[in-house]
Amino acid sequence: MSMSRQRRSRRQAVSTPNSEHQWLATEISVKLAINGILSLVALVSLFKLIPYQWSQQAQLKEIRVEVEETEKRVSQLRDNFRHNFDPHKVNKVMEEQSPRLHPTQRKIFWVN
């Protein structure tokens, strides 16, 4: 009987590591499958986002062009504002804006 007990314990000892290896292999396989599926989903999502990113880049380029044009216009308006409201150029601006002349000046008419 002691022989059969030894054989059983050997079988259990041998079968236990084997089942642990199978369990470990199954666990690794499941993890790899899940990670593969997640990677595939991530790649598909990235490929779907690429056209959206291109359209956003095109819109951004259009907006940058509009901003440049607006900045030029603002610069011109700012220069015009400075010119019109410069206290040192009041008389000159008045001459430009009005047909009136300074009292010390006279209009000259050329006649043939």
PDB file of N, CA and C in Angstrom:
ATOM      1  N   MET A   1       0.805  -1.180   0.000  1.00  0.00           N
ATOM      2  CA  MET A   1       0.000   0.000   0.000  1.00  0.00           C
ATOM      3  C   MET A   1       0.854   1.253   0.000  1.00  0.00           C
ATOM      4  N   SER A   2       1.903   1.228   0.649  1.00  0.00           N
ATOM      5  CA  SER A   2       2.754   2.397   0.703  1.00  0.00           C
ATOM      6  C   SER A   2       3.264   2.734  -0.690  1.00  0.00           C
ATOM      7  N   MET A   3       3.404   1.719  -1.526  1.00  0.00           N
ATOM      8  CA  MET A   3       3.828   1.941  -2.909  1.00  0.00           C
ATOM      9  C   MET A   3       2.767   2.711  -3.683  1.00  0.00           C
ATOM     10  N   SER A   4       1.498   2.373  -3.511  1.00  0.00           N
ATOM     11  CA  SER A   4       0.433   3.052  -4.247  1.00  0.00           C
ATOM     12  C   SER A   4       0.281   4.490  -3.748  1.00  0.00           C
ATOM     13  N   ARG A   5       0.503   4.712  -2.458  1.00  0.00           N
ATOM     14  CA  ARG A   5       0.448   6.080  -1.922  1.00  0.00           C
ATOM     15  C   ARG A   5       1.583   6.921  -2.512  1.00  0.00           C
ATOM     16  N   GLN A   6       2.741   6.311  -2.639  1.00  0.00           N
ATOM     17  CA  GLN A   6       3.871   7.047  -3.205  1.00  0.00           C
ATOM     18  C   GLN A   6       3.581   7.396  -4.673  1.00  0.00           C
ATOM     19  N   ARG A   7       2.990   6.463  -5.388  1.00  0.00           N
ATOM     20  CA  ARG A   7       2.670   6.713  -6.796  1.00  0.00           C
ATOM     21  C   ARG A   7       1.635   7.834  -6.918  1.00  0.00           C
ATOM     22  N   ARG A   8       0.618   7.819  -6.017  1.00  0.00           N
ATOM     23  CA  ARG A   8      -0.400   8.871  -6.030  1.00  0.00           C
ATOM     24  C   ARG A   8       0.219  10.235  -5.750  1.00  0.00           C
ATOM     25  N   SER A   9       1.062  10.291  -4.764  1.00  0.00           N
ATOM     26  CA  SER A   9       1.681  11.573  -4.414  1.00  0.00           C
ATOM     27  C   SER A   9       2.577  12.053  -5.551  1.00  0.00           C
ATOM     28  N   ARG A  10       3.240  11.083  -6.235  1.00  0.00           N
ATOM     29  CA  ARG A  10       4.061  11.470  -7.384  1.00  0.00           C
ATOM     30  C   ARG A  10       3.162  12.008  -8.509  1.00  0.00           C
ATOM     31  N   ARG A  11       2.034  11.321  -8.736  1.00  0.00           N
ATOM     32  CA  ARG A  11       1.114  11.779  -9.771  1.00  0.00           C
ATOM     33  C   ARG A  11       0.560  13.167  -9.428  1.00  0.00           C
ATOM     34  N   GLN A  12       0.187  13.384  -8.180  1.00  0.00           N
ATOM     35  CA  GLN A  12      -0.332  14.693  -7.768  1.00  0.00           C
ATOM     36  C   GLN A  12       0.762  15.750  -7.886  1.00  0.00           C
ATOM     37  N   ALA A  13       1.974  15.380  -7.490  1.00  0.00           N
ATOM     38  CA  ALA A  13       3.078  16.329  -7.570  1.00  0.00           C
ATOM     39  C   ALA A  13       3.366  16.663  -9.027  1.00  0.00           C
ATOM     40  N   VAL A  14       3.274  15.676  -9.897  1.00  0.00           N
ATOM     41  CA  VAL A  14       3.540  15.895 -11.306  1.00  0.00           C
ATOM     42  C   VAL A  14       2.370  16.635 -11.946  1.00  0.00           C
ATOM     43  N   SER A  15       1.151  16.301 -11.585  1.00  0.00           N
ATOM     44  CA  SER A  15      -0.011  16.917 -12.211  1.00  0.00           C
ATOM     45  C   SER A  15      -0.210  18.356 -11.737  1.00  0.00           C
ATOM     46  N   THR A  16       0.164  18.680 -10.534  1.00  0.00           N
ATOM     47  CA  THR A  16      -0.007  20.027  -9.998  1.00  0.00           C
ATOM     48  C   THR A  16       0.838  21.045 -10.763  1.00  0.00           C
ATOM     49  N   PRO A  17       2.123  20.825 -10.967  1.00  0.00           N
ATOM     50  CA  PRO A  17       2.872  21.802 -11.754  1.00  0.00           C
ATOM     51  C   PRO A  17       2.381  21.882 -13.199  1.00  0.00           C
ATOM     52  N   ASN A  18       1.948  20.750 -13.737  1.00  0.00           N
ATOM     53  CA  ASN A  18       1.468  20.744 -15.115  1.00  0.00           C
ATOM     54  C   ASN A  18       0.196  21.587 -15.237  1.00  0.00           C
ATOM     55  N   SER A  19      -0.725  21.467 -14.295  1.00  0.00           N
ATOM     56  CA  SER A  19      -1.954  22.260 -14.339  1.00  0.00           C
ATOM     57  C   SER A  19      -1.631  23.742 -14.080  1.00  0.00           C
ATOM     58  N   GLU A  20      -0.632  24.006 -13.242  1.00  0.00           N
ATOM     59  CA  GLU A  20      -0.228  25.397 -13.019  1.00  0.00           C
ATOM     60  C   GLU A  20       0.325  25.998 -14.302  1.00  0.00           C
ATOM     61  N   HIS A  21       1.096  25.208 -15.049  1.00  0.00           N
ATOM     62  CA  HIS A  21       1.625  25.687 -16.319  1.00  0.00           C
ATOM     63  C   HIS A  21       0.499  25.944 -17.317  1.00  0.00           C
ATOM     64  N   GLN A  22      -0.476  25.062 -17.330  1.00  0.00           N
ATOM     65  CA  GLN A  22      -1.604  25.248 -18.232  1.00  0.00           C
ATOM     66  C   GLN A  22      -2.383  26.501 -17.849  1.00  0.00           C
ATOM     67  N   TRP A  23      -2.598  26.694 -16.564  1.00  0.00           N
ATOM     68  CA  TRP A  23      -3.321  27.872 -16.094  1.00  0.00           C
ATOM     69  C   TRP A  23      -2.547  29.146 -16.462  1.00  0.00           C
ATOM     70  N   LEU A  24      -1.249  29.123 -16.266  1.00  0.00           N
ATOM     71  CA  LEU A  24      -0.404  30.264 -16.587  1.00  0.00           C
ATOM     72  C   LEU A  24      -0.413  30.535 -18.091  1.00  0.00           C
ATOM     73  N   ALA A  25      -0.342  29.488 -18.881  1.00  0.00           N
ATOM     74  CA  ALA A  25      -0.382  29.646 -20.337  1.00  0.00           C
ATOM     75  C   ALA A  25      -1.739  30.207 -20.774  1.00  0.00           C
ATOM     76  N   THR A  26      -2.813  29.726 -20.173  1.00  0.00           N
ATOM     77  CA  THR A  26      -4.147  30.239 -20.493  1.00  0.00           C
ATOM     78  C   THR A  26      -4.259  31.707 -20.111  1.00  0.00           C
ATOM     79  N   GLU A  27      -3.763  32.063 -18.946  1.00  0.00           N
ATOM     80  CA  GLU A  27      -3.815  33.456 -18.477  1.00  0.00           C
ATOM     81  C   GLU A  27      -3.034  34.373 -19.424  1.00  0.00           C
ATOM     82  N   ILE A  28      -1.853  33.960 -19.823  1.00  0.00           N
ATOM     83  CA  ILE A  28      -1.036  34.750 -20.741  1.00  0.00           C
ATOM     84  C   ILE A  28      -1.732  34.881 -22.090  1.00  0.00           C
ATOM     85  N   SER A  29      -2.327  33.806 -22.557  1.00  0.00           N
ATOM     86  CA  SER A  29      -3.035  33.843 -23.847  1.00  0.00           C
ATOM     87  C   SER A  29      -4.209  34.811 -23.796  1.00  0.00           C
ATOM     88  N   VAL A  30      -4.963  34.774 -22.717  1.00  0.00           N
ATOM     89  CA  VAL A  30      -6.102  35.692 -22.573  1.00  0.00           C
ATOM     90  C   VAL A  30      -5.612  37.135 -22.533  1.00  0.00           C
ATOM     91  N   LYS A  31      -4.543  37.404 -21.770  1.00  0.00           N
ATOM     92  CA  LYS A  31      -3.988  38.758 -21.695  1.00  0.00           C
ATOM     93  C   LYS A  31      -3.515  39.236 -23.065  1.00  0.00           C
ATOM     94  N   LEU A  32      -2.839  38.366 -23.798  1.00  0.00           N
ATOM     95  CA  LEU A  32      -2.373  38.733 -25.136  1.00  0.00           C
ATOM     96  C   LEU A  32      -3.544  39.023 -26.077  1.00  0.00           C
ATOM     97  N   ALA A  33      -4.590  38.199 -25.984  1.00  0.00           N
ATOM     98  CA  ALA A  33      -5.759  38.407 -26.843  1.00  0.00           C
ATOM     99  C   ALA A  33      -6.434  39.739 -26.525  1.00  0.00           C
ATOM    100  N   ILE A  34      -6.609  40.037 -25.246  1.00  0.00           N
ATOM    101  CA  ILE A  34      -7.249  41.301 -24.845  1.00  0.00           C
ATOM    102  C   ILE A  34      -6.391  42.487 -25.278  1.00  0.00           C
ATOM    103  N   ASN A  35      -5.083  42.390 -25.055  1.00  0.00           N
ATOM    104  CA  ASN A  35      -4.197  43.483 -25.470  1.00  0.00           C
ATOM    105  C   ASN A  35      -4.193  43.643 -26.989  1.00  0.00           C
ATOM    106  N   GLY A  36      -4.256  42.548 -27.714  1.00  0.00           N
ATOM    107  CA  GLY A  36      -4.330  42.624 -29.174  1.00  0.00           C
ATOM    108  C   GLY A  36      -5.610  43.311 -29.634  1.00  0.00           C
ATOM    109  N   ILE A  37      -6.735  42.964 -29.015  1.00  0.00           N
ATOM    110  CA  ILE A  37      -8.014  43.589 -29.360  1.00  0.00           C
ATOM    111  C   ILE A  37      -7.975  45.083 -29.045  1.00  0.00           C
ATOM    112  N   LEU A  38      -7.438  45.431 -27.873  1.00  0.00           N
ATOM    113  CA  LEU A  38      -7.334  46.847 -27.505  1.00  0.00           C
ATOM    114  C   LEU A  38      -6.426  47.610 -28.472  1.00  0.00           C
ATOM    115  N   SER A  39      -5.333  46.992 -28.876  1.00  0.00           N
ATOM    116  CA  SER A  39      -4.434  47.633 -29.841  1.00  0.00           C
ATOM    117  C   SER A  39      -5.133  47.835 -31.173  1.00  0.00           C
ATOM    118  N   LEU A  40      -5.878  46.850 -31.613  1.00  0.00           N
ATOM    119  CA  LEU A  40      -6.611  46.948 -32.868  1.00  0.00           C
ATOM    120  C   LEU A  40      -7.650  48.062 -32.806  1.00  0.00           C
ATOM    121  N   VAL A  41      -8.377  48.150 -31.699  1.00  0.00           N
ATOM    122  CA  VAL A  41      -9.370  49.220 -31.530  1.00  0.00           C
ATOM    123  C   VAL A  41      -8.686  50.582 -31.545  1.00  0.00           C
ATOM    124  N   ALA A  42      -7.534  50.696 -30.888  1.00  0.00           N
ATOM    125  CA  ALA A  42      -6.797  51.963 -30.872  1.00  0.00           C
ATOM    126  C   ALA A  42      -6.343  52.344 -32.277  1.00  0.00           C
ATOM    127  N   LEU A  43      -5.844  51.402 -33.052  1.00  0.00           N
ATOM    128  CA  LEU A  43      -5.407  51.697 -34.418  1.00  0.00           C
ATOM    129  C   LEU A  43      -6.569  52.114 -35.311  1.00  0.00           C
ATOM    130  N   VAL A  44      -7.685  51.436 -35.196  1.00  0.00           N
ATOM    131  CA  VAL A  44      -8.862  51.789 -35.995  1.00  0.00           C
ATOM    132  C   VAL A  44      -9.326  53.201 -35.626  1.00  0.00           C
ATOM    133  N   SER A  45      -9.318  53.519 -34.346  1.00  0.00           N
ATOM    134  CA  SER A  45      -9.717  54.855 -33.909  1.00  0.00           C
ATOM    135  C   SER A  45      -8.774  55.915 -34.459  1.00  0.00           C
ATOM    136  N   LEU A  46      -7.481  55.636 -34.447  1.00  0.00           N
ATOM    137  CA  LEU A  46      -6.518  56.590 -34.997  1.00  0.00           C
ATOM    138  C   LEU A  46      -6.747  56.817 -36.482  1.00  0.00           C
ATOM    139  N   PHE A  47      -7.003  55.749 -37.226  1.00  0.00           N
ATOM    140  CA  PHE A  47      -7.238  55.890 -38.656  1.00  0.00           C
ATOM    141  C   PHE A  47      -8.522  56.668 -38.939  1.00  0.00           C
ATOM    142  N   LYS A  48      -9.511  56.546 -38.062  1.00  0.00           N
ATOM    143  CA  LYS A  48     -10.728  57.328 -38.242  1.00  0.00           C
ATOM    144  C   LYS A  48     -10.497  58.797 -37.907  1.00  0.00           C
ATOM    145  N   LEU A  49      -9.561  59.092 -37.011  1.00  0.00           N
ATOM    146  CA  LEU A  49      -9.302  60.473 -36.607  1.00  0.00           C
ATOM    147  C   LEU A  49      -8.413  61.236 -37.588  1.00  0.00           C
ATOM    148  N   ILE A  50      -7.696  60.548 -38.438  1.00  0.00           N
ATOM    149  CA  ILE A  50      -6.766  61.218 -39.366  1.00  0.00           C
ATOM    150  C   ILE A  50      -7.495  62.192 -40.297  1.00  0.00           C
ATOM    151  N   PRO A  51      -8.591  61.832 -40.959  1.00  0.00           N
ATOM    152  CA  PRO A  51      -9.277  62.822 -41.810  1.00  0.00           C
ATOM    153  C   PRO A  51      -9.779  64.032 -41.006  1.00  0.00           C
ATOM    154  N   TYR A  52     -10.261  63.797 -39.820  1.00  0.00           N
ATOM    155  CA  TYR A  52     -10.713  64.901 -38.965  1.00  0.00           C
ATOM    156  C   TYR A  52      -9.557  65.841 -38.645  1.00  0.00           C
ATOM    157  N   GLN A  53      -8.401  65.278 -38.366  1.00  0.00           N
ATOM    158  CA  GLN A  53      -7.230  66.094 -38.055  1.00  0.00           C
ATOM    159  C   GLN A  53      -6.819  66.907 -39.270  1.00  0.00           C
ATOM    160  N   TRP A  54      -6.900  66.333 -40.457  1.00  0.00           N
ATOM    161  CA  TRP A  54      -6.563  67.064 -41.690  1.00  0.00           C
ATOM    162  C   TRP A  54      -7.512  68.237 -41.894  1.00  0.00           C
ATOM    163  N   SER A  55      -8.807  67.995 -41.687  1.00  0.00           N
ATOM    164  CA  SER A  55      -9.769  69.091 -41.865  1.00  0.00           C
ATOM    165  C   SER A  55      -9.532  70.195 -40.838  1.00  0.00           C
ATOM    166  N   GLN A  56      -9.177  69.810 -39.619  1.00  0.00           N
ATOM    167  CA  GLN A  56      -8.879  70.817 -38.594  1.00  0.00           C
ATOM    168  C   GLN A  56      -7.643  71.627 -38.964  1.00  0.00           C
ATOM    169  N   GLN A  57      -6.637  70.983 -39.539  1.00  0.00           N
ATOM    170  CA  GLN A  57      -5.437  71.696 -39.977  1.00  0.00           C
ATOM    171  C   GLN A  57      -5.776  72.687 -41.084  1.00  0.00           C
ATOM    172  N   ALA A  58      -6.648  72.284 -42.013  1.00  0.00           N
ATOM    173  CA  ALA A  58      -7.052  73.182 -43.097  1.00  0.00           C
ATOM    174  C   ALA A  58      -7.798  74.389 -42.541  1.00  0.00           C
ATOM    175  N   GLN A  59      -8.696  74.169 -41.594  1.00  0.00           N
ATOM    176  CA  GLN A  59      -9.422  75.278 -40.972  1.00  0.00           C
ATOM    177  C   GLN A  59      -8.466  76.196 -40.225  1.00  0.00           C
ATOM    178  N   LEU A  60      -7.501  75.624 -39.548  1.00  0.00           N
ATOM    179  CA  LEU A  60      -6.523  76.420 -38.825  1.00  0.00           C
ATOM    180  C   LEU A  60      -5.717  77.295 -39.772  1.00  0.00           C
ATOM    181  N   LYS A  61      -5.365  76.745 -40.932  1.00  0.00           N
ATOM    182  CA  LYS A  61      -4.619  77.523 -41.924  1.00  0.00           C
ATOM    183  C   LYS A  61      -5.458  78.700 -42.416  1.00  0.00           C
ATOM    184  N   GLU A  62      -6.749  78.455 -42.700  1.00  0.00           N
ATOM    185  CA  GLU A  62      -7.638  79.527 -43.129  1.00  0.00           C
ATOM    186  C   GLU A  62      -7.742  80.613 -42.055  1.00  0.00           C
ATOM    187  N   ILE A  63      -7.864  80.208 -40.833  1.00  0.00           N
ATOM    188  CA  ILE A  63      -7.993  81.171 -39.737  1.00  0.00           C
ATOM    189  C   ILE A  63      -6.713  81.985 -39.597  1.00  0.00           C
ATOM    190  N   ARG A  64      -5.573  81.341 -39.755  1.00  0.00           N
ATOM    191  CA  ARG A  64      -4.303  82.081 -39.667  1.00  0.00           C
ATOM    192  C   ARG A  64      -4.204  83.132 -40.763  1.00  0.00           C
ATOM    193  N   VAL A  65      -4.646  82.793 -41.985  1.00  0.00           N
ATOM    194  CA  VAL A  65      -4.634  83.765 -43.084  1.00  0.00           C
ATOM    195  C   VAL A  65      -5.549  84.941 -42.743  1.00  0.00           C
ATOM    196  N   GLU A  66      -6.735  84.647 -42.226  1.00  0.00           N
ATOM    197  CA  GLU A  66      -7.666  85.708 -41.851  1.00  0.00           C
ATOM    198  C   GLU A  66      -7.094  86.582 -40.741  1.00  0.00           C
ATOM    199  N   VAL A  67      -6.409  85.969 -39.790  1.00  0.00           N
ATOM    200  CA  VAL A  67      -5.801  86.733 -38.695  1.00  0.00           C
ATOM    201  C   VAL A  67      -4.725  87.666 -39.238  1.00  0.00           C
ATOM    202  N   GLU A  68      -3.906  87.186 -40.169  1.00  0.00           N
ATOM    203  CA  GLU A  68      -2.880  88.043 -40.768  1.00  0.00           C
ATOM    204  C   GLU A  68      -3.507  89.241 -41.476  1.00  0.00           C
ATOM    205  N   GLU A  69      -4.573  88.991 -42.251  1.00  0.00           N
ATOM    206  CA  GLU A  69      -5.246  90.083 -42.951  1.00  0.00           C
ATOM    207  C   GLU A  69      -5.841  91.081 -41.955  1.00  0.00           C
ATOM    208  N   THR A  70      -6.443  90.580 -40.898  1.00  0.00           N
ATOM    209  CA  THR A  70      -7.031  91.452 -39.892  1.00  0.00           C
ATOM    210  C   THR A  70      -5.961  92.256 -39.166  1.00  0.00           C
ATOM    211  N   GLU A  71      -4.829  91.636 -38.883  1.00  0.00           N
ATOM    212  CA  GLU A  71      -3.737  92.362 -38.230  1.00  0.00           C
ATOM    213  C   GLU A  71      -3.220  93.499 -39.117  1.00  0.00           C
ATOM    214  N   LYS A  72      -3.136  93.265 -40.430  1.00  0.00           N
ATOM    215  CA  LYS A  72      -2.717  94.329 -41.350  1.00  0.00           C
ATOM    216  C   LYS A  72      -3.719  95.476 -41.315  1.00  0.00           C
ATOM    217  N   ARG A  73      -4.994  95.143 -41.366  1.00  0.00           N
ATOM    218  CA  ARG A  73      -6.033  96.177 -41.352  1.00  0.00           C
ATOM    219  C   ARG A  73      -5.997  96.955 -40.036  1.00  0.00           C
ATOM    220  N   VAL A  74      -5.850  96.276 -38.933  1.00  0.00           N
ATOM    221  CA  VAL A  74      -5.777  96.940 -37.629  1.00  0.00           C
ATOM    222  C   VAL A  74      -4.563  97.859 -37.577  1.00  0.00           C
ATOM    223  N   SER A  75      -3.458  97.421 -38.126  1.00  0.00           N
ATOM    224  CA  SER A  75      -2.256  98.248 -38.152  1.00  0.00           C
ATOM    225  C   SER A  75      -2.496  99.533 -38.947  1.00  0.00           C
ATOM    226  N   GLN A  76      -3.154  99.400 -40.104  1.00  0.00           N
ATOM    227  CA  GLN A  76      -3.462 100.585 -40.913  1.00  0.00           C
ATOM    228  C   GLN A  76      -4.404 101.529 -40.167  1.00  0.00           C
ATOM    229  N   LEU A  77      -5.431 100.963 -39.545  1.00  0.00           N
ATOM    230  CA  LEU A  77      -6.375 101.795 -38.793  1.00  0.00           C
ATOM    231  C   LEU A  77      -5.694 102.479 -37.605  1.00  0.00           C
ATOM    232  N   ARG A  78      -4.799 101.766 -36.960  1.00  0.00           N
ATOM    233  CA  ARG A  78      -4.069 102.343 -35.826  1.00  0.00           C
ATOM    234  C   ARG A  78      -3.185 103.507 -36.286  1.00  0.00           C
ATOM    235  N   ASP A  79      -2.504 103.312 -37.423  1.00  0.00           N
ATOM    236  CA  ASP A  79      -1.680 104.399 -37.961  1.00  0.00           C
ATOM    237  C   ASP A  79      -2.543 105.605 -38.325  1.00  0.00           C
ATOM    238  N   ASN A  80      -3.682 105.359 -38.951  1.00  0.00           N
ATOM    239  CA  ASN A  80      -4.606 106.432 -39.303  1.00  0.00           C
ATOM    240  C   ASN A  80      -5.100 107.158 -38.048  1.00  0.00           C
ATOM    241  N   PHE A  81      -5.417 106.408 -37.017  1.00  0.00           N
ATOM    242  CA  PHE A  81      -5.879 106.992 -35.754  1.00  0.00           C
ATOM    243  C   PHE A  81      -4.789 107.874 -35.145  1.00  0.00           C
ATOM    244  N   ARG A  82      -3.575 107.377 -35.120  1.00  0.00           N
ATOM    245  CA  ARG A  82      -2.467 108.167 -34.574  1.00  0.00           C
ATOM    246  C   ARG A  82      -2.281 109.463 -35.360  1.00  0.00           C
ATOM    247  N   HIS A  83      -2.392 109.337 -36.678  1.00  0.00           N
ATOM    248  CA  HIS A  83      -2.228 110.518 -37.526  1.00  0.00           C
ATOM    249  C   HIS A  83      -3.323 111.556 -37.231  1.00  0.00           C
ATOM    250  N   ASN A  84      -4.566 111.099 -37.132  1.00  0.00           N
ATOM    251  CA  ASN A  84      -5.685 112.022 -36.941  1.00  0.00           C
ATOM    252  C   ASN A  84      -5.736 112.641 -35.547  1.00  0.00           C
ATOM    253  N   PHE A  85      -5.213 111.953 -34.549  1.00  0.00           N
ATOM    254  CA  PHE A  85      -5.316 112.453 -33.188  1.00  0.00           C
ATOM    255  C   PHE A  85      -3.981 112.870 -32.600  1.00  0.00           C
ATOM    256  N   ASP A  86      -3.012 113.095 -33.440  1.00  0.00           N
ATOM    257  CA  ASP A  86      -1.714 113.578 -32.968  1.00  0.00           C
ATOM    258  C   ASP A  86      -1.835 115.070 -32.678  1.00  0.00           C
ATOM    259  N   PRO A  87      -1.566 115.508 -31.440  1.00  0.00           N
ATOM    260  CA  PRO A  87      -1.733 116.924 -31.106  1.00  0.00           C
ATOM    261  C   PRO A  87      -0.788 117.836 -31.879  1.00  0.00           C
ATOM    262  N   HIS A  88       0.312 117.341 -32.345  1.00  0.00           N
ATOM    263  CA  HIS A  88       1.272 118.148 -33.082  1.00  0.00           C
ATOM    264  C   HIS A  88       0.859 118.356 -34.536  1.00  0.00           C
ATOM    265  N   LYS A  89      -0.074 117.548 -35.008  1.00  0.00           N
ATOM    266  CA  LYS A  89      -0.487 117.641 -36.414  1.00  0.00           C
ATOM    267  C   LYS A  89      -1.925 118.136 -36.560  1.00  0.00           C
ATOM    268  N   VAL A  90      -2.427 118.835 -35.558  1.00  0.00           N
ATOM    269  CA  VAL A  90      -3.822 119.261 -35.583  1.00  0.00           C
ATOM    270  C   VAL A  90      -4.092 120.144 -36.798  1.00  0.00           C
ATOM    271  N   ASN A  91      -3.247 121.111 -37.039  1.00  0.00           N
ATOM    272  CA  ASN A  91      -3.481 122.017 -38.160  1.00  0.00           C
ATOM    273  C   ASN A  91      -3.447 121.292 -39.500  1.00  0.00           C
ATOM    274  N   LYS A  92      -2.517 120.389 -39.645  1.00  0.00           N
ATOM    275  CA  LYS A  92      -2.409 119.648 -40.903  1.00  0.00           C
ATOM    276  C   LYS A  92      -3.643 118.773 -41.128  1.00  0.00           C
ATOM    277  N   VAL A  93      -4.109 118.123 -40.075  1.00  0.00           N
ATOM    278  CA  VAL A  93      -5.297 117.274 -40.191  1.00  0.00           C
ATOM    279  C   VAL A  93      -6.511 118.130 -40.520  1.00  0.00           C
ATOM    280  N   MET A  94      -6.592 119.267 -39.899  1.00  0.00           N
ATOM    281  CA  MET A  94      -7.714 120.163 -40.200  1.00  0.00           C
ATOM    282  C   MET A  94      -7.691 120.572 -41.669  1.00  0.00           C
ATOM    283  N   GLU A  95      -6.520 120.866 -42.209  1.00  0.00           N
ATOM    284  CA  GLU A  95      -6.410 121.222 -43.616  1.00  0.00           C
ATOM    285  C   GLU A  95      -6.834 120.068 -44.516  1.00  0.00           C
ATOM    286  N   GLU A  96      -6.452 118.856 -44.121  1.00  0.00           N
ATOM    287  CA  GLU A  96      -6.805 117.687 -44.927  1.00  0.00           C
ATOM    288  C   GLU A  96      -8.306 117.414 -44.885  1.00  0.00           C
ATOM    289  N   GLN A  97      -8.918 117.597 -43.730  1.00  0.00           N
ATOM    290  CA  GLN A  97     -10.310 117.216 -43.532  1.00  0.00           C
ATOM    291  C   GLN A  97     -11.304 118.318 -43.925  1.00  0.00           C
ATOM    292  N   SER A  98     -10.854 119.550 -43.967  1.00  0.00           N
ATOM    293  CA  SER A  98     -11.772 120.653 -44.182  1.00  0.00           C
ATOM    294  C   SER A  98     -11.298 121.515 -45.354  1.00  0.00           C
ATOM    295  N   PRO A  99     -12.232 122.152 -46.034  1.00  0.00           N
ATOM    296  CA  PRO A  99     -11.822 123.052 -47.110  1.00  0.00           C
ATOM    297  C   PRO A  99     -11.325 124.403 -46.577  1.00  0.00           C
ATOM    298  N   ARG A 100     -11.512 124.616 -45.311  1.00  0.00           N
ATOM    299  CA  ARG A 100     -11.071 125.879 -44.729  1.00  0.00           C
ATOM    300  C   ARG A 100      -9.562 125.922 -44.596  1.00  0.00           C
ATOM    301  N   LEU A 101      -9.048 127.107 -44.614  1.00  0.00           N
ATOM    302  CA  LEU A 101      -7.617 127.311 -44.465  1.00  0.00           C
ATOM    303  C   LEU A 101      -7.330 128.066 -43.182  1.00  0.00           C
ATOM    304  N   HIS A 102      -6.105 127.979 -42.784  1.00  0.00           N
ATOM    305  CA  HIS A 102      -5.658 128.741 -41.629  1.00  0.00           C
ATOM    306  C   HIS A 102      -5.782 130.224 -41.972  1.00  0.00           C
ATOM    307  N   PRO A 103      -6.110 131.069 -41.017  1.00  0.00           N
ATOM    308  CA  PRO A 103      -6.314 132.496 -41.324  1.00  0.00           C
ATOM    309  C   PRO A 103      -5.105 133.167 -41.974  1.00  0.00           C
ATOM    310  N   THR A 104      -3.935 132.674 -41.744  1.00  0.00           N
ATOM    311  CA  THR A 104      -2.752 133.308 -42.331  1.00  0.00           C
ATOM    312  C   THR A 104      -2.477 132.812 -43.743  1.00  0.00           C
ATOM    313  N   GLN A 105      -3.233 131.848 -44.211  1.00  0.00           N
ATOM    314  CA  GLN A 105      -3.005 131.293 -45.543  1.00  0.00           C
ATOM    315  C   GLN A 105      -4.071 131.778 -46.512  1.00  0.00           C
ATOM    316  N   ARG A 106      -3.699 131.715 -47.779  1.00  0.00           N
ATOM    317  CA  ARG A 106      -4.638 132.093 -48.839  1.00  0.00           C
ATOM    318  C   ARG A 106      -4.585 131.042 -49.930  1.00  0.00           C
ATOM    319  N   LYS A 107      -5.718 130.878 -50.567  1.00  0.00           N
ATOM    320  CA  LYS A 107      -5.778 129.955 -51.679  1.00  0.00           C
ATOM    321  C   LYS A 107      -5.200 130.622 -52.909  1.00  0.00           C
ATOM    322  N   ILE A 108      -4.529 129.817 -53.686  1.00  0.00           N
ATOM    323  CA  ILE A 108      -3.959 130.319 -54.924  1.00  0.00           C
ATOM    324  C   ILE A 108      -4.667 129.623 -56.082  1.00  0.00           C
ATOM    325  N   PHE A 109      -5.159 130.395 -57.007  1.00  0.00           N
ATOM    326  CA  PHE A 109      -5.816 129.853 -58.186  1.00  0.00           C
ATOM    327  C   PHE A 109      -4.939 130.145 -59.380  1.00  0.00           C
ATOM    328  N   TRP A 110      -4.609 129.168 -60.113  1.00  0.00           N
ATOM    329  CA  TRP A 110      -3.786 129.346 -61.308  1.00  0.00           C
ATOM    330  C   TRP A 110      -4.694 129.600 -62.501  1.00  0.00           C
ATOM    331  N   VAL A 111      -4.355 130.569 -63.235  1.00  0.00           N
ATOM    332  CA  VAL A 111      -5.183 130.916 -64.392  1.00  0.00           C
ATOM    333  C   VAL A 111      -4.271 130.943 -65.611  1.00  0.00           C
ATOM    334  N   ASN A 112      -4.774 130.427 -66.700  1.00  0.00           N
ATOM    335  CA  ASN A 112      -3.985 130.459 -67.945  1.00  0.00           C
ATOM    336  C   ASN A 112      -4.090 131.796 -68.608  1.00  0.00           C
TER     337      ASN A 112
END
